[in-house]
Amino acid sequence: MENVSFNDIFKSSILEKTSSFSIVDSLIGLLVAFFVGLFIYFVYKKTFSGVIYSHTFNISLIIMSMATALIIMGISSNVLLSLGMVGALSIVRFRTPIKDPMDIVYIFWAIVSGILCGAGFIPLVVIGSILIGAVLIIFINKIKIENPYLLIVKYSDLNVENSIEHVVSESSRKYSVKSKSVMPGHDYEVTYEIRVKDEDLGFINNISDMDAVKSAVMLSYDGNFTA
């Protein structure tokens, strides 16, 4: 019969893992991930150009960097744990829609920064984050992107088409007809893509005042419809 000592009773694999765990390295990685996430937070706030700023989304970028670093630290020394973690994370599905493509850039930036911090590539993540932040600030704040407008006009008389197009051509630098619809009751709808002159949208009032024009709606178009 095999003898079991007092130490064997309290022997645990958890204690063995704890003994090989470096608290200093982990704290350094998490702190760097926090400060990099904080840098991403300020860059996102500085470069945000939308209508509704989401403070919770911005804070989630910091947590995402730290959580990713924590995961990488946990799986870096254990192959079985890494396989199990990949399998567990593969069943997670995020249903929150991403409206702005730039939000995906910031999410990817936060995840990559967390991975590098967890793997110990501190100089790489610091230098890379500074360069990425500088590029975002320069290109988003300094370079003005002019989005076109969509003009949707509903009318009931075909004779007013020439008048509408004349006003559009006089008030825009460039325009094109995107669609034209014929609806029941002899109503018509035409959609123009317009690049206006000096952001002057007053011509829409002239169109709406025309006889036989039922409505005139102007939408800003940047890939999504924004009223």
Protein backbone atom coordinates (compact mmCIF):
# COMPACT_ATOMS: atom_id res chain seq x y z
CA MET A 1 0.00 0.00 0.00
CA GLU A 2 1.36 3.37 -1.02
CA ASN A 3 2.03 5.78 1.79
CA VAL A 4 0.36 9.20 1.52
CA SER A 5 2.15 12.02 3.27
CA PHE A 6 0.61 15.11 4.81
CA ASN A 7 1.98 17.26 1.98
CA ASP A 8 0.42 15.00 -0.67
CA ILE A 9 -3.03 15.61 0.80
CA PHE A 10 -2.77 19.34 0.33
CA LYS A 11 -0.90 19.15 -2.93
CA SER A 12 -2.83 21.07 -5.59
CA SER A 13 -2.27 21.92 -9.22
CA ILE A 14 -3.63 25.38 -8.47
CA LEU A 15 -0.77 26.03 -6.06
CA GLU A 16 1.70 24.82 -8.67
CA LYS A 17 0.32 27.25 -11.22
CA THR A 18 0.39 30.02 -8.64
CA SER A 19 4.05 29.42 -7.92
CA SER A 20 4.89 29.88 -11.61
CA PHE A 21 2.75 32.98 -11.85
CA SER A 22 4.62 36.31 -12.00
CA ILE A 23 2.65 39.03 -10.26
CA VAL A 24 5.07 41.77 -11.31
CA ASP A 25 4.92 40.88 -15.02
CA SER A 26 1.14 40.62 -14.90
CA LEU A 27 0.74 43.98 -13.19
CA ILE A 28 3.06 45.64 -15.70
CA GLY A 29 1.12 44.13 -18.62
CA LEU A 30 -2.26 45.15 -17.19
CA LEU A 31 -1.07 48.68 -16.35
CA VAL A 32 0.33 49.19 -19.84
CA ALA A 33 -2.92 47.83 -21.31
CA PHE A 34 -4.85 50.30 -19.14
CA PHE A 35 -2.78 53.30 -20.22
CA VAL A 36 -2.89 52.26 -23.88
CA GLY A 37 -6.66 51.83 -23.56
CA LEU A 38 -6.84 55.25 -21.94
CA PHE A 39 -4.87 56.67 -24.88
CA ILE A 40 -7.35 55.03 -27.27
CA TYR A 41 -10.15 56.54 -25.18
CA PHE A 42 -8.84 60.09 -25.65
CA VAL A 43 -8.08 59.58 -29.35
CA TYR A 44 -11.61 58.28 -29.95
CA LYS A 45 -13.10 61.24 -28.07
CA LYS A 46 -10.88 63.67 -29.97
CA THR A 47 -11.62 62.26 -33.43
CA PHE A 48 -15.32 61.45 -32.98
CA SER A 49 -17.25 63.17 -35.76
CA GLY A 50 -20.68 61.59 -35.46
CA VAL A 51 -23.87 62.98 -33.97
CA ILE A 52 -24.35 60.93 -30.80
CA TYR A 53 -21.20 60.25 -28.77
CA SER A 54 -21.31 56.97 -26.81
CA HIS A 55 -19.34 57.30 -23.58
CA THR A 56 -20.01 53.66 -22.63
CA PHE A 57 -18.57 52.43 -25.93
CA ASN A 58 -15.46 54.52 -25.36
CA ILE A 59 -14.98 53.13 -21.84
CA SER A 60 -15.46 49.61 -23.19
CA LEU A 61 -12.32 50.12 -25.32
CA ILE A 62 -10.24 50.45 -22.13
CA ILE A 63 -11.80 47.33 -20.60
CA MET A 64 -11.37 45.47 -23.89
CA SER A 65 -7.62 46.17 -23.91
CA MET A 66 -7.20 45.00 -20.31
CA ALA A 67 -9.44 41.94 -20.69
CA THR A 68 -7.62 40.83 -23.85
CA ALA A 69 -4.26 41.23 -22.10
CA LEU A 70 -5.60 39.15 -19.19
CA ILE A 71 -6.68 36.36 -21.54
CA ILE A 72 -3.32 36.28 -23.33
CA MET A 73 -1.48 36.11 -20.00
CA GLY A 74 -3.63 33.18 -18.95
CA ILE A 75 -3.23 31.09 -22.08
CA SER A 76 0.40 31.92 -22.89
CA SER A 77 1.82 29.29 -20.54
CA ASN A 78 -0.74 26.52 -21.00
CA VAL A 79 -1.59 24.93 -24.36
CA LEU A 80 -4.66 23.07 -23.06
CA LEU A 81 -6.01 26.24 -21.48
CA SER A 82 -5.50 28.14 -24.72
CA LEU A 83 -7.52 25.56 -26.68
CA GLY A 84 -10.28 25.63 -24.09
CA MET A 85 -10.34 29.43 -24.05
CA VAL A 86 -10.60 29.59 -27.84
CA GLY A 87 -13.48 27.14 -27.76
CA ALA A 88 -15.25 29.06 -25.01
CA LEU A 89 -14.85 32.43 -26.72
CA SER A 90 -15.98 31.03 -30.08
CA ILE A 91 -19.53 30.57 -28.77
CA VAL A 92 -19.82 34.23 -27.73
CA ARG A 93 -21.90 36.33 -30.11
CA PHE A 94 -22.12 40.11 -29.95
CA ARG A 95 -25.37 41.51 -31.33
CA THR A 96 -24.65 45.23 -30.92
CA PRO A 97 -24.67 46.83 -34.39
CA ILE A 98 -21.65 48.88 -35.41
CA LYS A 99 -22.93 51.91 -37.31
CA ASP A 100 -19.65 53.69 -37.98
CA PRO A 101 -16.85 51.73 -39.72
CA MET A 102 -14.31 53.68 -37.67
CA ASP A 103 -15.70 52.07 -34.50
CA ILE A 104 -14.49 48.71 -35.84
CA VAL A 105 -11.02 50.22 -36.25
CA TYR A 106 -10.96 51.28 -32.59
CA ILE A 107 -12.24 47.87 -31.44
CA PHE A 108 -9.54 46.11 -33.45
CA TRP A 109 -6.92 48.54 -32.12
CA ALA A 110 -7.96 47.85 -28.52
CA ILE A 111 -7.87 44.06 -29.04
CA VAL A 112 -4.47 44.09 -30.76
CA SER A 113 -3.05 46.33 -28.01
CA GLY A 114 -4.33 43.91 -25.35
CA ILE A 115 -2.78 40.95 -27.16
CA LEU A 116 0.62 42.66 -27.40
CA CYS A 117 0.50 43.75 -23.74
CA GLY A 118 -0.38 40.24 -22.63
CA ALA A 119 2.43 38.79 -24.73
CA GLY A 120 4.95 41.24 -23.26
CA PHE A 121 5.64 43.34 -26.36
CA ILE A 122 5.45 46.60 -24.41
CA PRO A 123 7.68 48.80 -26.66
CA LEU A 124 5.85 47.61 -29.78
CA VAL A 125 2.38 48.42 -28.44
CA VAL A 126 3.49 51.85 -27.16
CA ILE A 127 5.18 52.89 -30.41
CA GLY A 128 2.38 51.43 -32.54
CA SER A 129 -0.36 53.13 -30.53
CA ILE A 130 1.34 56.53 -30.74
CA LEU A 131 1.69 56.24 -34.51
CA ILE A 132 -1.88 55.00 -35.00
CA GLY A 133 -3.25 57.77 -32.79
CA ALA A 134 -1.28 60.41 -34.70
CA VAL A 135 -2.55 59.11 -38.05
CA LEU A 136 -6.17 59.11 -36.86
CA ILE A 137 -5.96 62.63 -35.44
CA ILE A 138 -4.30 64.02 -38.59
CA PHE A 139 -6.55 62.34 -41.14
CA ILE A 140 -9.88 62.71 -39.34
CA ASN A 141 -9.51 66.23 -37.93
CA LYS A 142 -7.38 67.89 -40.61
CA ILE A 143 -8.76 66.37 -43.81
CA LYS A 144 -12.32 67.41 -44.52
CA ILE A 145 -14.47 64.78 -46.20
CA GLU A 146 -17.45 66.24 -48.01
CA ASN A 147 -20.37 63.83 -48.05
CA PRO A 148 -23.03 64.19 -50.73
CA TYR A 149 -26.71 64.79 -50.10
CA LEU A 150 -29.72 62.90 -51.34
CA LEU A 151 -32.64 65.07 -52.46
CA ILE A 152 -35.95 63.23 -52.62
CA VAL A 153 -38.77 65.13 -54.34
CA LYS A 154 -42.37 63.94 -54.64
CA TYR A 155 -44.58 65.64 -57.22
CA SER A 156 -47.79 65.08 -59.15
CA ASP A 157 -47.11 66.73 -62.52
CA LEU A 158 -44.45 65.74 -65.04
CA ASN A 159 -44.22 69.32 -66.31
CA VAL A 160 -42.50 70.38 -63.08
CA GLU A 161 -39.53 68.05 -63.63
CA ASN A 162 -37.59 70.52 -65.75
CA SER A 163 -38.05 73.26 -63.15
CA ILE A 164 -36.83 70.98 -60.36
CA GLU A 165 -33.76 69.93 -62.31
CA HIS A 166 -32.99 73.54 -63.23
CA VAL A 167 -32.96 74.58 -59.55
CA VAL A 168 -30.82 71.56 -58.66
CA SER A 169 -28.27 72.27 -61.40
CA GLU A 170 -28.03 75.96 -60.43
CA SER A 171 -27.54 75.19 -56.73
CA SER A 172 -25.10 72.27 -56.92
CA ARG A 173 -21.57 71.70 -58.13
CA LYS A 174 -22.41 68.21 -59.25
CA TYR A 175 -25.56 66.12 -59.30
CA SER A 176 -26.96 62.93 -60.74
CA VAL A 177 -30.33 61.19 -60.79
CA LYS A 178 -30.19 58.10 -58.58
CA SER A 179 -33.74 56.85 -59.04
CA LYS A 180 -37.17 57.79 -60.34
CA SER A 181 -40.42 56.14 -59.30
CA VAL A 182 -43.99 56.25 -60.55
CA MET A 183 -46.52 55.63 -57.79
CA PRO A 184 -50.27 54.95 -57.88
CA GLY A 185 -52.43 58.02 -58.40
CA HIS A 186 -50.03 59.57 -60.95
CA ASP A 187 -47.56 60.61 -58.26
CA TYR A 188 -43.86 60.66 -58.98
CA GLU A 189 -40.68 60.56 -56.92
CA VAL A 190 -37.16 61.39 -58.04
CA THR A 191 -33.94 61.08 -56.04
CA TYR A 192 -30.85 63.21 -56.79
CA GLU A 193 -27.36 62.80 -55.42
CA ILE A 194 -26.11 66.35 -54.93
CA ARG A 195 -22.90 68.07 -53.93
CA VAL A 196 -24.10 71.52 -52.94
CA LYS A 197 -22.26 74.81 -53.24
CA ASP A 198 -20.89 76.18 -49.94
CA GLU A 199 -23.28 74.00 -47.94
CA ASP A 200 -26.18 76.23 -49.00
CA LEU A 201 -29.38 74.22 -48.62
CA GLY A 202 -31.81 77.08 -49.11
CA PHE A 203 -32.74 75.94 -52.61
CA ILE A 204 -34.84 73.14 -51.14
CA ASN A 205 -37.35 75.81 -50.08
CA ASN A 206 -37.66 76.97 -53.69
CA ILE A 207 -38.37 73.42 -54.79
CA SER A 208 -40.98 72.81 -52.10
CA ASP A 209 -42.79 76.04 -53.08
CA MET A 210 -43.28 74.88 -56.65
CA ASP A 211 -46.74 73.95 -57.82
CA ALA A 212 -47.39 70.21 -57.95
CA VAL A 213 -44.48 69.49 -55.58
CA LYS A 214 -45.80 67.59 -52.57
CA SER A 215 -42.60 67.23 -50.56
CA ALA A 216 -38.85 67.79 -50.78
CA VAL A 217 -36.54 66.00 -48.37
CA MET A 218 -32.76 66.43 -48.06
CA LEU A 219 -30.67 63.65 -46.50
CA SER A 220 -26.97 63.59 -45.69
CA TYR A 221 -25.44 60.47 -47.20
CA ASP A 222 -22.25 58.87 -45.89
CA GLY A 223 -23.07 55.24 -46.53
CA ASN A 224 -26.07 55.41 -44.21
CA PHE A 225 -29.16 57.55 -44.38
CA THR A 226 -29.04 60.38 -41.86
CA ALA A 227 -31.97 62.76 -41.72
